[in-house]
Protein backbone atom coordinates (compact mmCIF):
# COMPACT_ATOMS: atom_id res chain seq x y z
CA VAL A 1 -0.02 -0.11 0.22
CA VAL A 2 1.86 2.57 -1.43
CA GLU A 3 1.98 6.09 0.50
CA GLY A 4 -1.36 8.12 0.09
CA ALA A 5 -3.10 4.70 -1.15
CA THR A 6 -6.15 3.43 1.61
CA LEU A 7 -6.81 -0.25 1.39
CA THR A 8 -9.97 -0.79 3.54
CA VAL A 9 -10.92 -4.30 5.27
CA THR A 10 -14.95 -4.60 5.42
CA GLY A 11 -17.48 -7.81 5.22
CA SER A 12 -16.95 -10.68 7.37
CA ASN A 13 -14.29 -13.56 7.32
CA HIS A 14 -11.01 -12.65 5.63
CA PHE A 15 -7.85 -15.18 5.13
CA LEU A 16 -4.27 -14.67 4.87
CA ASN A 17 -2.35 -17.41 3.56
CA GLY A 18 1.01 -16.48 3.24
CA LYS A 19 0.69 -13.08 1.55
CA SER A 20 3.28 -10.45 3.21
CA ILE A 21 1.59 -6.68 3.57
CA ILE A 22 3.74 -3.44 3.50
CA ASN A 23 1.67 -0.49 4.07
CA GLU A 24 3.52 3.08 3.35
CA GLY A 25 0.08 4.62 3.10
CA ARG A 26 -3.10 3.88 5.12
CA VAL A 27 -4.81 0.16 6.16
CA HIS A 28 -8.51 0.87 7.44
CA TRP A 29 -9.75 -2.28 9.07
CA ALA A 30 -13.13 -1.57 9.67
CA GLY A 31 -15.09 -5.22 9.56
CA GLY A 32 -14.53 -8.78 9.30
CA VAL A 33 -12.14 -11.27 11.09
CA ILE A 34 -8.56 -11.78 9.49
CA ASP A 35 -7.46 -15.37 10.01
CA VAL A 36 -3.98 -16.18 9.67
CA ASN A 37 -3.60 -20.16 8.13
CA GLU A 38 0.48 -19.79 7.17
CA VAL A 39 2.77 -17.53 7.54
CA ALA A 40 3.00 -14.10 7.05
CA SER A 41 4.22 -10.72 7.86
CA PHE A 42 2.44 -7.26 8.02
CA LEU A 43 5.17 -4.60 7.97
CA ASN A 44 3.25 -1.04 8.93
CA ARG A 45 5.29 1.95 8.36
CA GLY A 46 1.99 4.39 7.76
CA GLU A 47 -0.84 4.50 9.35
CA PHE A 48 -3.23 0.82 10.47
CA GLU A 49 -6.66 2.23 11.69
CA LEU A 50 -8.72 -0.41 13.77
CA SER A 51 -12.37 0.04 13.90
CA ALA A 52 -13.54 -3.08 13.14
CA ASN A 53 -14.27 -4.52 16.65
CA ALA A 54 -12.93 -8.22 15.64
CA ARG A 55 -9.80 -10.61 15.50
CA PHE A 56 -6.71 -10.56 13.68
CA GLY A 57 -4.67 -13.97 14.33
CA GLY A 58 -3.49 -17.61 13.37
CA SER A 59 -6.37 -18.99 16.24
CA VAL A 60 -9.38 -17.88 14.12
CA PHE A 61 -10.08 -21.15 12.68
CA ALA A 62 -7.87 -23.67 11.35
CA PRO A 63 -5.51 -24.43 10.70
CA ASN A 64 -3.42 -22.05 11.96
CA GLY A 65 -0.92 -19.61 10.73
CA THR A 66 2.01 -16.88 12.22
CA LEU A 67 2.06 -13.44 11.45
CA LEU A 68 5.08 -11.15 12.23
CA LEU A 69 3.55 -7.35 12.73
CA THR A 70 6.13 -5.11 12.41
CA ASN A 71 4.95 -0.94 13.35
CA THR A 72 6.97 1.42 12.36
CA GLY A 73 4.28 3.76 11.85
CA LEU A 74 1.54 4.00 13.78
CA ILE A 75 -1.58 1.89 14.65
CA ARG A 76 -4.68 4.02 15.91
CA GLN A 77 -7.94 3.06 17.52
CA GLN A 78 -10.91 5.76 17.51
CA ALA A 79 -13.37 3.83 17.79
CA ALA A 80 -15.42 2.09 20.59
CA GLY A 81 -15.25 -1.85 20.47
CA THR A 82 -12.18 -4.56 20.87
CA THR A 83 -9.65 -5.35 18.59
CA SER A 84 -7.61 -8.52 19.43
CA PHE A 85 -4.59 -9.51 17.97
CA VAL A 86 -4.97 -13.42 19.14
CA GLY A 87 -2.83 -16.55 18.49
CA GLY A 88 -0.17 -16.69 16.20
CA VAL A 89 0.69 -12.72 15.87
CA THR A 90 3.89 -11.48 16.99
CA LEU A 91 3.66 -7.61 17.67
CA ASP A 92 7.06 -5.85 17.41
CA ASN A 93 6.48 -1.72 17.71
CA HIS A 94 9.00 0.70 16.91
CA GLY A 95 6.54 3.11 16.25
CA ALA A 96 3.66 4.40 18.06
CA VAL A 97 0.23 2.60 19.25
CA GLU A 98 -2.48 4.99 19.92
CA ILE A 99 -6.09 3.82 21.45
CA LEU A 100 -8.21 6.50 21.97
CA ALA A 101 -11.71 4.80 22.77
CA GLY A 102 -12.47 0.76 22.98
CA THR A 103 -9.79 -1.77 23.84
CA VAL A 104 -6.71 -3.33 21.85
CA SER A 105 -5.58 -6.42 23.03
CA PHE A 106 -2.45 -8.00 21.62
CA GLY A 107 -1.93 -11.11 22.27
CA GLY A 108 -0.47 -14.11 20.39
CA ASP A 109 2.92 -14.89 20.84
CA GLY A 110 4.02 -11.14 22.34
CA GLY A 111 6.79 -9.00 20.78
CA THR A 112 9.47 -6.40 21.57
CA HIS A 113 8.99 -2.56 21.92
CA THR A 114 11.53 0.13 21.32
CA GLY A 115 8.08 2.63 20.48
CA SER A 116 5.30 3.83 22.32
CA PHE A 117 1.88 2.91 23.67
CA HIS A 118 -0.72 5.08 24.61
CA ALA A 119 -4.40 4.94 25.68
CA ALA A 120 -6.35 7.76 26.67
CA ALA A 121 -9.16 8.09 29.36
CA GLY A 122 -11.56 5.86 29.01
CA ALA A 123 -9.60 3.48 26.28
CA THR A 124 -8.01 0.38 27.28
CA LEU A 125 -4.64 -0.94 26.46
CA GLU A 126 -4.55 -4.73 27.25
CA PHE A 127 -2.01 -6.88 27.38
CA ALA A 128 -3.32 -10.72 26.73
CA GLU A 129 -0.84 -14.01 25.81
CA GLY A 130 2.62 -14.19 25.14
CA LEU A 131 5.95 -12.07 26.29
CA HIS A 132 5.90 -8.35 25.99
CA GLU A 133 9.89 -7.12 26.80
CA PHE A 134 9.46 -3.28 26.78
CA GLU A 135 13.47 -2.20 25.32
CA ALA A 136 15.49 1.54 26.01
CA GLY A 137 13.59 4.51 24.15
CA SER A 138 9.77 2.48 24.66
CA SER A 139 7.23 3.95 26.83
CA VAL A 140 3.37 3.27 28.22
CA THR A 141 1.17 6.53 28.84
CA VAL A 142 -2.24 5.27 29.78
CA GLU A 143 -5.32 7.67 30.89
CA GLY A 144 -7.17 5.22 31.23
CA THR A 145 -6.74 1.36 31.55
CA LEU A 146 -3.69 -0.60 31.44
CA ARG A 147 -4.35 -4.48 31.44
CA VAL A 148 -2.87 -7.60 31.71
CA ALA A 149 -4.81 -10.63 30.83
CA GLY A 150 -2.72 -13.56 30.24
CA ALA A 151 0.53 -12.02 29.08
CA THR A 152 4.01 -11.48 30.78
CA ALA A 153 4.53 -7.86 30.55
CA ASN A 154 7.95 -6.60 31.48
CA LEU A 155 7.34 -2.35 31.71
CA ASP A 156 10.70 -1.63 32.98
CA THR A 157 11.40 1.08 30.82
CA GLU A 158 9.41 4.51 30.99
CA VAL A 159 5.50 4.18 32.50
CA ASN A 160 3.30 7.13 32.56
CA LEU A 161 0.25 6.14 33.98
CA SER A 162 -2.71 7.80 35.55
CA GLY A 163 -5.67 5.36 35.41
CA ALA A 164 -6.26 1.93 36.66
CA LEU A 165 -3.65 -1.08 36.96
CA VAL A 166 -5.53 -4.51 36.07
CA VAL A 167 -4.00 -8.07 36.02
CA THR A 168 -6.93 -10.64 35.40
CA ALA A 169 -4.24 -13.24 34.06
CA GLY A 170 -0.35 -13.61 33.17
CA THR A 171 2.35 -11.86 35.26
CA ALA A 172 2.94 -7.97 35.18
CA ASN A 173 6.44 -6.81 35.90
CA VAL A 174 5.62 -3.44 36.52
CA ALA A 175 9.15 -1.82 37.42
CA PRO A 176 9.26 1.67 36.01
CA ALA A 177 12.75 3.24 34.96
CA SER A 178 11.29 6.36 34.43
CA GLY A 179 7.62 8.31 33.90
CA ALA A 180 4.92 9.51 36.25
CA PHE A 181 3.28 6.37 37.50
CA GLN A 182 0.33 7.40 39.83
CA PRO A 183 -1.98 4.67 39.10
CA ALA A 184 -5.83 5.31 40.23
CA SER A 185 -6.41 1.81 41.13
CA ILE A 186 -5.11 -1.60 41.28
CA THR A 187 -6.89 -4.74 40.37
CA VAL A 188 -5.17 -8.20 40.60
CA THR A 189 -7.89 -10.91 40.01
CA SER A 190 -7.61 -14.71 39.72
CA THR A 191 -5.30 -17.37 41.17
CA GLU A 192 -3.60 -16.64 37.89
CA ALA A 193 -2.93 -12.93 37.98
CA VAL A 194 0.85 -11.61 39.72
CA LEU A 195 1.53 -8.10 39.92
CA ASN A 196 5.17 -7.30 41.06
CA LEU A 197 5.26 -3.52 41.35
CA THR A 198 8.40 -1.75 42.26
CA ALA A 199 7.96 2.12 41.52
CA LEU A 200 10.47 4.97 41.79
CA GLU A 201 8.60 6.81 44.00
CA PRO A 202 5.34 6.16 47.11
CA ILE A 203 2.09 5.61 45.60
CA ALA A 204 -1.58 6.67 46.28
CA PRO A 205 -4.16 4.85 44.30
CA ALA A 206 -7.21 5.16 45.74
CA SER A 207 -7.99 1.34 45.85
CA VAL A 208 -6.28 -1.48 46.22
CA THR A 209 -8.46 -4.84 44.88
CA ILE A 210 -6.80 -8.32 45.58
CA THR A 211 -9.55 -11.00 44.87
CA ASP A 212 -10.30 -14.50 43.64
CA GLY A 213 -6.42 -15.75 44.30
CA GLY A 214 -5.03 -12.77 42.77
CA THR A 215 -1.38 -11.80 44.15
CA ALA A 216 -0.05 -8.12 44.45
CA ASN A 217 3.53 -7.79 45.27
CA LEU A 218 4.27 -4.33 46.54
CA ASN A 219 7.84 -3.47 46.83
CA SER A 220 7.38 0.05 47.05
CA ALA A 221 5.27 2.22 49.62
CA VAL A 222 1.68 2.50 48.21
CA SER A 223 -1.06 4.09 50.45
CA THR A 224 -4.70 3.39 50.12
CA SER A 225 -8.30 4.33 51.52
CA ASN A 226 -9.49 1.29 50.24
CA LEU A 227 -7.73 -2.12 50.09
CA SER A 228 -9.36 -5.84 50.06
CA VAL A 229 -7.54 -8.89 50.13
CA GLY A 230 -9.49 -12.10 49.40
CA GLY A 231 -7.56 -15.31 48.41
CA VAL A 232 -8.61 -18.67 47.39
CA GLY A 233 -7.07 -20.81 50.09
CA SER A 234 -3.57 -20.38 51.11
CA VAL A 235 -3.07 -18.65 46.89
CA GLY A 236 -3.53 -15.22 46.64
CA GLY A 237 -2.68 -12.36 48.70
CA LEU A 238 -0.79 -9.18 49.47
CA GLY A 239 3.08 -9.73 49.27
CA GLY A 240 6.58 -7.78 48.46
CA SER A 241 8.74 -5.73 50.21
CA GLY A 242 7.21 -2.41 50.59
CA GLU A 243 5.25 -0.48 53.25
CA VAL A 244 1.54 -0.61 52.67
CA THR A 245 -0.66 1.91 54.56
CA LEU A 246 -4.29 1.92 55.18
CA LEU A 247 -5.66 5.56 54.94
CA ALA A 248 -8.86 6.34 57.06
CA GLY A 249 -12.28 7.20 54.88
CA GLY A 250 -12.49 3.97 53.26
CA ALA A 251 -12.98 0.67 53.57
CA HIS A 252 -10.22 -1.76 54.34
CA ALA A 253 -11.10 -6.20 53.92
CA TRP A 254 -9.07 -9.02 54.63
CA THR A 255 -11.32 -11.98 53.47
CA ALA A 256 -9.08 -14.63 52.89
CA GLY A 257 -5.86 -15.45 51.30
CA VAL A 258 -2.12 -14.91 52.75
CA LEU A 259 -0.43 -11.74 53.96
CA ALA A 260 3.10 -12.07 53.23
CA GLY A 261 6.52 -10.37 52.67
CA SER A 262 8.52 -7.99 54.66
CA GLY A 263 7.07 -4.52 53.90
CA VAL A 264 4.85 -3.25 56.86
CA LEU A 265 1.05 -3.28 56.75
CA ARG A 266 0.19 -0.09 58.57
CA VAL A 267 -3.40 1.05 59.45
CA ALA A 268 -3.52 4.63 60.07
CA PRO A 269 -5.08 6.13 62.97
CA GLY A 270 -8.82 6.30 62.14
CA ALA A 271 -8.83 3.55 59.50
CA THR A 272 -10.19 -0.14 60.63
CA LEU A 273 -9.16 -2.98 59.03
CA THR A 274 -11.65 -5.92 59.12
CA VAL A 275 -10.46 -9.68 59.24
CA SER A 276 -13.55 -11.87 58.32
CA GLY A 277 -15.28 -14.65 56.22
CA ASN A 278 -15.65 -18.18 57.99
CA VAL A 279 -12.51 -19.30 56.22
CA ASN A 280 -8.51 -19.26 56.20
CA HIS A 281 -6.36 -16.60 56.60
CA PHE A 282 -2.52 -16.59 56.21
CA LEU A 283 0.26 -14.40 57.82
CA ASN A 284 3.38 -15.09 55.93
CA ALA A 285 6.16 -13.36 57.28
CA LYS A 286 4.29 -9.57 56.92
CA PRO A 287 4.58 -7.22 60.06
CA ILE A 288 1.66 -5.43 61.07
CA VAL A 289 1.88 -1.65 62.84
CA ASN A 290 -2.04 -1.06 64.06
CA ASP A 291 -2.53 2.62 64.96
CA GLY A 292 -5.97 2.62 63.90
CA ARG A 293 -8.67 -0.29 64.09
CA VAL A 294 -8.09 -3.93 63.32
CA ARG A 295 -11.51 -6.37 63.52
CA TRP A 296 -11.40 -9.49 63.56
CA THR A 297 -14.35 -10.80 62.87
CA GLY A 298 -14.12 -14.37 61.38
CA GLY A 299 -11.97 -17.09 60.24
CA VAL A 300 -8.79 -18.92 61.19
CA ILE A 301 -5.39 -16.44 61.21
CA ASP A 302 -2.66 -19.18 60.37
CA ILE A 303 0.94 -17.99 61.15
CA ASN A 304 3.51 -20.04 59.02
CA ALA A 305 6.91 -17.88 58.92
CA ASN A 306 8.30 -15.32 61.56
CA THR A 307 6.52 -11.86 62.24
CA THR A 308 5.59 -9.48 64.46
CA PHE A 309 2.23 -7.55 65.05
CA ALA A 310 2.28 -4.40 67.08
CA ASN A 311 -1.05 -3.06 68.14
CA ARG A 312 -0.69 0.32 68.98
CA GLY A 313 -4.27 0.92 67.99
CA VAL A 314 -7.69 -1.35 69.23
CA LEU A 315 -7.37 -4.75 68.55
CA GLU A 316 -10.91 -5.86 68.51
CA LEU A 317 -11.49 -10.32 68.81
CA ALA A 318 -15.20 -11.43 67.66
CA ALA A 319 -14.12 -14.18 65.54
CA ASN A 320 -14.81 -16.94 68.00
CA ASN A 321 -11.40 -18.84 66.39
CA GLN A 322 -7.83 -19.29 66.54
CA PHE A 323 -4.72 -17.14 65.59
CA GLY A 324 -1.58 -19.29 65.54
CA ASN A 325 0.10 -22.32 64.26
CA ARG A 326 -3.10 -23.95 62.79
CA PHE A 327 -1.52 -25.86 59.81
CA ALA A 328 2.14 -26.36 58.59
CA PRO A 329 4.02 -24.82 58.37
CA ASN A 330 4.78 -23.41 61.44
CA GLY A 331 6.06 -20.12 62.65
CA THR A 332 6.10 -17.44 65.26
CA LEU A 333 4.19 -14.16 65.93
CA LEU A 334 5.07 -11.76 68.71
CA LEU A 335 2.23 -9.38 69.62
CA SER A 336 2.93 -6.48 71.43
CA ASN A 337 -0.03 -4.13 72.79
CA SER A 338 0.56 -0.74 73.84
CA GLY A 339 -3.11 0.04 72.69
CA LEU A 340 -6.24 -1.91 73.60
CA ILE A 341 -7.30 -5.24 72.70
CA HIS A 342 -10.51 -5.89 73.31
CA GLN A 343 -12.26 -9.27 73.69
CA GLN A 344 -15.97 -8.84 72.77
CA THR A 345 -17.59 -12.25 72.38
CA GLY A 346 -16.66 -15.65 71.69
CA THR A 347 -13.69 -17.85 72.64
CA ASN A 348 -11.09 -16.28 70.43
CA SER A 349 -7.55 -18.03 70.78
CA PHE A 350 -3.94 -17.13 70.70
CA ILE A 351 -2.41 -20.36 70.27
CA ALA A 352 0.79 -22.11 69.59
CA GLY A 353 3.32 -19.93 68.36
CA VAL A 354 2.20 -16.65 69.36
CA THR A 355 4.11 -14.43 72.03
CA LEU A 356 1.36 -11.94 73.74
CA VAL A 357 3.63 -8.99 75.76
CA ASN A 358 1.29 -5.94 76.93
CA GLU A 359 2.97 -3.17 77.27
CA ALA A 360 3.25 -1.14 80.26
CA ALA A 361 0.62 1.52 77.88
CA GLY A 362 -1.41 -1.36 77.53
CA VAL A 363 -4.93 -2.52 78.20
CA ILE A 364 -6.30 -5.78 77.92
CA ASP A 365 -10.44 -5.55 78.75
CA VAL A 366 -12.12 -8.95 78.37
CA THR A 367 -15.84 -7.58 77.88
CA ALA A 368 -17.37 -11.03 77.23
CA GLY A 369 -16.54 -14.36 76.33
CA THR A 370 -13.30 -15.69 76.44
CA LEU A 371 -9.59 -14.71 75.49
CA GLY A 372 -7.42 -17.82 74.90
CA VAL A 373 -3.62 -17.22 75.45
CA ALA A 374 -2.07 -20.61 74.98
CA ALA A 375 1.85 -20.11 76.60
CA GLY A 376 0.31 -17.48 79.26
CA PHE A 377 1.72 -14.11 78.83
CA ALA A 378 3.28 -11.05 80.81
CA SER A 379 1.38 -7.88 81.14
CA GLN A 380 3.09 -5.02 82.21
CA GLY A 381 0.26 -2.79 81.56
CA LEU A 382 -3.87 -3.11 82.27
CA LEU A 383 -5.64 -6.21 82.85
CA ALA A 384 -9.65 -5.40 82.96
CA GLY A 385 -13.05 -7.31 82.67
CA THR A 386 -15.73 -10.22 83.06
CA GLY A 387 -15.07 -12.09 80.80
CA THR A 388 -12.57 -15.55 81.23
CA ILE A 389 -8.65 -15.27 80.35
CA ASN A 390 -7.56 -18.54 79.50
CA VAL A 391 -4.05 -19.43 79.91
CA GLY A 392 -4.17 -23.46 79.58
CA THR A 393 -1.01 -24.85 81.11
CA GLY A 394 0.95 -21.18 81.28
CA VAL A 395 1.01 -18.38 83.50
CA LEU A 396 -0.04 -14.82 83.67
CA SER A 397 2.39 -12.59 85.35
CA SER A 398 0.88 -9.39 85.98
CA PHE A 399 3.73 -6.88 86.44
CA GLY A 400 0.61 -4.08 86.42
CA THR A 401 -2.86 -3.46 87.28
CA LEU A 402 -5.22 -6.02 87.25
CA ALA A 403 -8.13 -4.41 87.39
CA PRO A 404 -11.95 -6.69 87.60
CA GLY A 405 -15.16 -5.46 86.12
CA ALA A 406 -16.01 -3.26 83.43
CA ARG A 407 -14.31 -0.55 82.51
CA SER A 408 -17.45 1.70 82.44
CA GLY A 409 -21.34 1.70 83.01
CA ASP A 410 -21.90 -1.02 86.13
CA THR A 411 -17.65 -1.27 87.25
CA THR A 412 -17.99 -3.93 89.39
CA GLY A 413 -18.02 -8.12 88.08
CA THR A 414 -15.89 -10.54 87.81
CA LEU A 415 -12.69 -11.89 86.33
CA THR A 416 -11.93 -15.42 85.62
CA ILE A 417 -8.45 -16.87 85.04
CA ALA A 418 -8.48 -19.92 83.83
CA GLY A 419 -4.99 -21.20 84.62
CA ASN A 420 -2.22 -19.88 87.12
CA TYR A 421 -2.29 -16.17 88.14
CA ARG A 422 1.29 -14.72 89.68
CA GLN A 423 0.99 -11.18 90.89
CA GLU A 424 4.75 -9.30 90.58
CA SER A 425 6.08 -7.19 93.32
CA THR A 426 5.24 -4.52 90.87
CA GLY A 427 1.81 -5.74 90.10
CA ARG A 428 -1.43 -4.01 91.77
CA LEU A 429 -4.92 -5.52 92.34
CA GLU A 430 -8.01 -2.83 92.38
CA ILE A 431 -11.09 -4.17 93.72
CA GLU A 432 -14.14 -1.91 93.93
CA LEU A 433 -16.74 -2.71 97.01
CA ASP A 434 -20.69 -2.29 96.21
CA SER A 435 -22.00 -5.00 98.09
CA ALA A 436 -21.51 -8.13 99.78
CA ALA A 437 -23.79 -9.91 98.12
CA ALA A 438 -22.62 -12.47 95.55
CA GLY A 439 -21.49 -10.51 92.32
CA GLY A 440 -22.20 -7.26 94.06
CA SER A 441 -18.28 -6.26 93.86
CA ASP A 442 -15.07 -7.45 92.53
CA VAL A 443 -13.73 -10.89 92.50
CA LEU A 444 -11.00 -12.27 90.66
CA ALA A 445 -11.97 -16.09 90.03
CA VAL A 446 -8.44 -18.26 89.15
CA THR A 447 -8.97 -21.53 88.80
CA GLY A 448 -5.36 -22.84 89.24
CA THR A 449 -2.80 -21.49 91.50
CA VAL A 450 -2.14 -17.80 92.59
CA THR A 451 1.39 -16.48 93.41
CA LEU A 452 1.83 -13.42 95.11
CA ILE A 453 5.12 -12.30 95.00
CA GLY A 454 7.08 -9.69 98.07
CA GLY A 455 5.63 -6.02 97.46
CA ALA A 456 2.70 -7.75 95.12
CA ALA A 457 0.15 -4.71 96.35
CA LEU A 458 -4.20 -4.84 96.66
CA HIS A 459 -6.25 -1.63 96.67
CA ALA A 460 -9.90 -1.85 97.97
CA GLU A 461 -12.31 1.16 97.21
CA LEU A 462 -15.39 1.55 97.74
CA ALA A 463 -17.94 2.17 95.25
CA GLU A 464 -19.63 5.97 94.94
CA GLY A 465 -22.64 6.17 97.95
CA TYR A 466 -21.83 2.68 99.19
CA GLN A 467 -20.94 2.27 103.07
CA PRO A 468 -20.91 -1.44 104.21
CA ASP A 469 -22.22 -2.58 107.68
CA PRO A 470 -19.47 -3.85 109.92
CA GLY A 471 -18.57 -7.18 110.38
CA GLU A 472 -19.65 -7.43 106.43
CA ARG A 473 -17.04 -10.21 104.52
CA PHE A 474 -16.19 -9.52 100.98
CA ARG A 475 -14.30 -12.87 99.23
CA PHE A 476 -12.62 -10.62 96.33
CA MET A 477 -10.34 -13.78 95.37
CA SER A 478 -11.03 -17.50 94.39
CA PHE A 479 -8.32 -20.15 93.39
CA ALA A 480 -7.65 -23.71 94.14
CA ALA A 481 -3.98 -22.70 95.86
CA ARG A 482 -2.34 -19.94 96.97
CA ASN A 483 1.48 -19.37 97.53
CA GLY A 484 2.68 -16.05 99.50
CA ILE A 485 0.84 -12.88 100.75
CA PHE A 486 -0.32 -9.02 100.00
CA GLY A 487 3.01 -7.15 100.82
CA SER A 488 1.21 -3.62 100.80
CA THR A 489 -2.62 -2.99 100.96
CA ASP A 490 -4.65 0.13 100.46
CA LEU A 491 -7.60 0.03 101.62
CA PRO A 492 -11.26 1.71 102.43
CA LEU A 493 -11.20 2.84 106.63
CA HIS A 494 -12.17 0.67 108.90
CA ALA A 495 -11.60 -2.71 106.61
CA GLU A 496 -9.07 -5.45 106.95
CA LEU A 497 -7.16 -8.01 105.10
CA ASP A 498 -7.14 -11.80 106.18
CA GLN A 499 -4.69 -13.68 104.41
CA THR A 500 -4.69 -16.25 107.61
CA ASP A 501 -6.66 -18.72 105.34
CA PRO A 502 -4.07 -20.07 102.92
CA ALA A 503 -7.80 -21.37 101.27
CA ASP A 504 -9.56 -18.02 101.06
CA LEU A 505 -8.80 -14.11 100.89
CA GLU A 506 -11.70 -11.77 102.27
CA LEU A 507 -11.75 -8.14 103.10
CA VAL A 508 -13.30 -7.65 106.35
CA THR A 509 -15.28 -4.28 108.01
CA VAL A 510 -14.83 -3.97 111.11
CA THR A 511 -16.68 -2.09 114.12
CA GLY A 512 -15.76 1.56 113.74
CA ASN A 513 -16.52 5.13 113.71
CA PHE A 514 -17.66 5.99 110.39
CA ALA A 515 -17.26 8.85 109.03
CA PRO A 516 -20.88 10.82 108.72
CA GLN A 517 -22.62 11.49 105.40
CA ALA A 518 -22.64 15.05 105.33
CA ALA A 519 -26.27 16.38 104.32
CA ASP A 520 -26.81 18.77 101.68
CA ASP A 521 -28.58 21.71 104.20
CA ALA A 522 -28.29 24.61 102.53
CA TYR A 523 -29.91 27.89 104.20
CA ALA A 524 -30.16 31.37 102.26
CA THR A 525 -29.82 34.58 104.44
CA ASP A 526 -29.56 38.21 104.17
CA VAL A 527 -25.91 39.60 103.91
CA ASP A 528 -23.90 40.41 107.44
CA THR A 529 -27.09 38.14 109.20
CA ALA A 530 -25.31 36.77 112.57
CA LEU A 531 -25.13 33.04 112.89
CA THR A 532 -25.39 31.37 116.13
CA VAL A 533 -24.52 27.79 116.85
CA ALA A 534 -26.75 26.33 119.25
CA ALA A 535 -24.70 23.50 120.36
CA PRO A 536 -21.20 22.27 120.31
CA GLY A 537 -19.78 20.41 116.90
CA VAL A 538 -17.84 20.70 114.53
CA LEU A 539 -17.90 23.54 111.31
CA GLY A 540 -16.57 22.40 108.04
């Protein structure tokens, strides 16, 4: 096709059986399939216009052929619809590919590119099959959608992306050497889809969606307002060495699949990550730092490698499930809490492999149900609640404060420790007394052995407005056995601690001259009115 001439391809089926084409003018493919049945070539030095909404390649009908499409001119699509270069086609783009509307899909046997690709807003550039190599001088610019749908695309030269990055199958290796790479969104879906992304600078897509077993290895810093991770069994999920920050204002969900790689998953203040689904979740070495809220509402969390979870915000437990070495291979997790761990409902167990440390600023509130910690744990901070802490054959060692009862509302109640309790010399047990009747005051109920070390402290106080009768007894602690005594006490006036019985610990109120309760007897008088005291007494 000489310069100035136009060849229009229209109609239905066309068959290219070995004929080579050289275009120095214009070829307008306006309709119909083009099937390649033998070995052919198409050298485009002019303009190749696409508007057929059809397929071109060797796999349309049998017998199958091959086509080498070499572009040193312009391949352009301006109309809506999908143009697909399918099996048997190799594209070597050394010119320009411009997609102004619709979708152009490059499949077949891939190709080697030194030219440019451009997809405008609303348009899609797709690499569907084969190996696509981008060499020096090449560039990809996409305001619409860049999609990898079965190919291996090594995008490692200039990449300018302000639109969507989508991987539905195949492997997208995206490591731009230059360009403005700020995708609006990232989507990786299907067990056959892998994204390996290393950007030149931090990126902030509005959403990162990893579903149906897709894998996204993010090796540079990413911030997003919407993260969704859903694998298929132990296949698919979020990996990579880059830090991923979940921002406030959106929704973040881990419904299944794997969290892997050395990059930190950070939940920012105000953000919430929900771990849900009656399925298995796999934590494979990815460190987690929570400065916001993590809600574990469903499913097992299995540890397959060594990692850490720093909870500096709120960790809510409502899954009625297990976190730890549930399946092989086994890993370890250091769960350090300097925020709030809130056991809300059901039985949530940190099983083998998990080491829990409640730091000085940390709070563990067992509002209801059971918090299980198989190996026991050490607490420097506050333990509270009216549920159960089950440490199995381990020991709960309290270096900080343990305060049975709720932290708000009716604050008196019973906190049960299933297992052994050890109160260290710096530990403090806080008891509120509101009634001598069963359930009327705080109780620490230990099913195993209580060990009180050195200066272990007991602080007891009366609920506001409560005044016990002399001789009332408050059994504030129960246990199977006890070693040691409280070394220091801070008790209400006229209360004594009875530690004589190794099988019992009680507070006893004794007969005394209790402080009077003042009455509010306000009386208004005129200024400078004389005050006469009719009987001796105390004015205060």
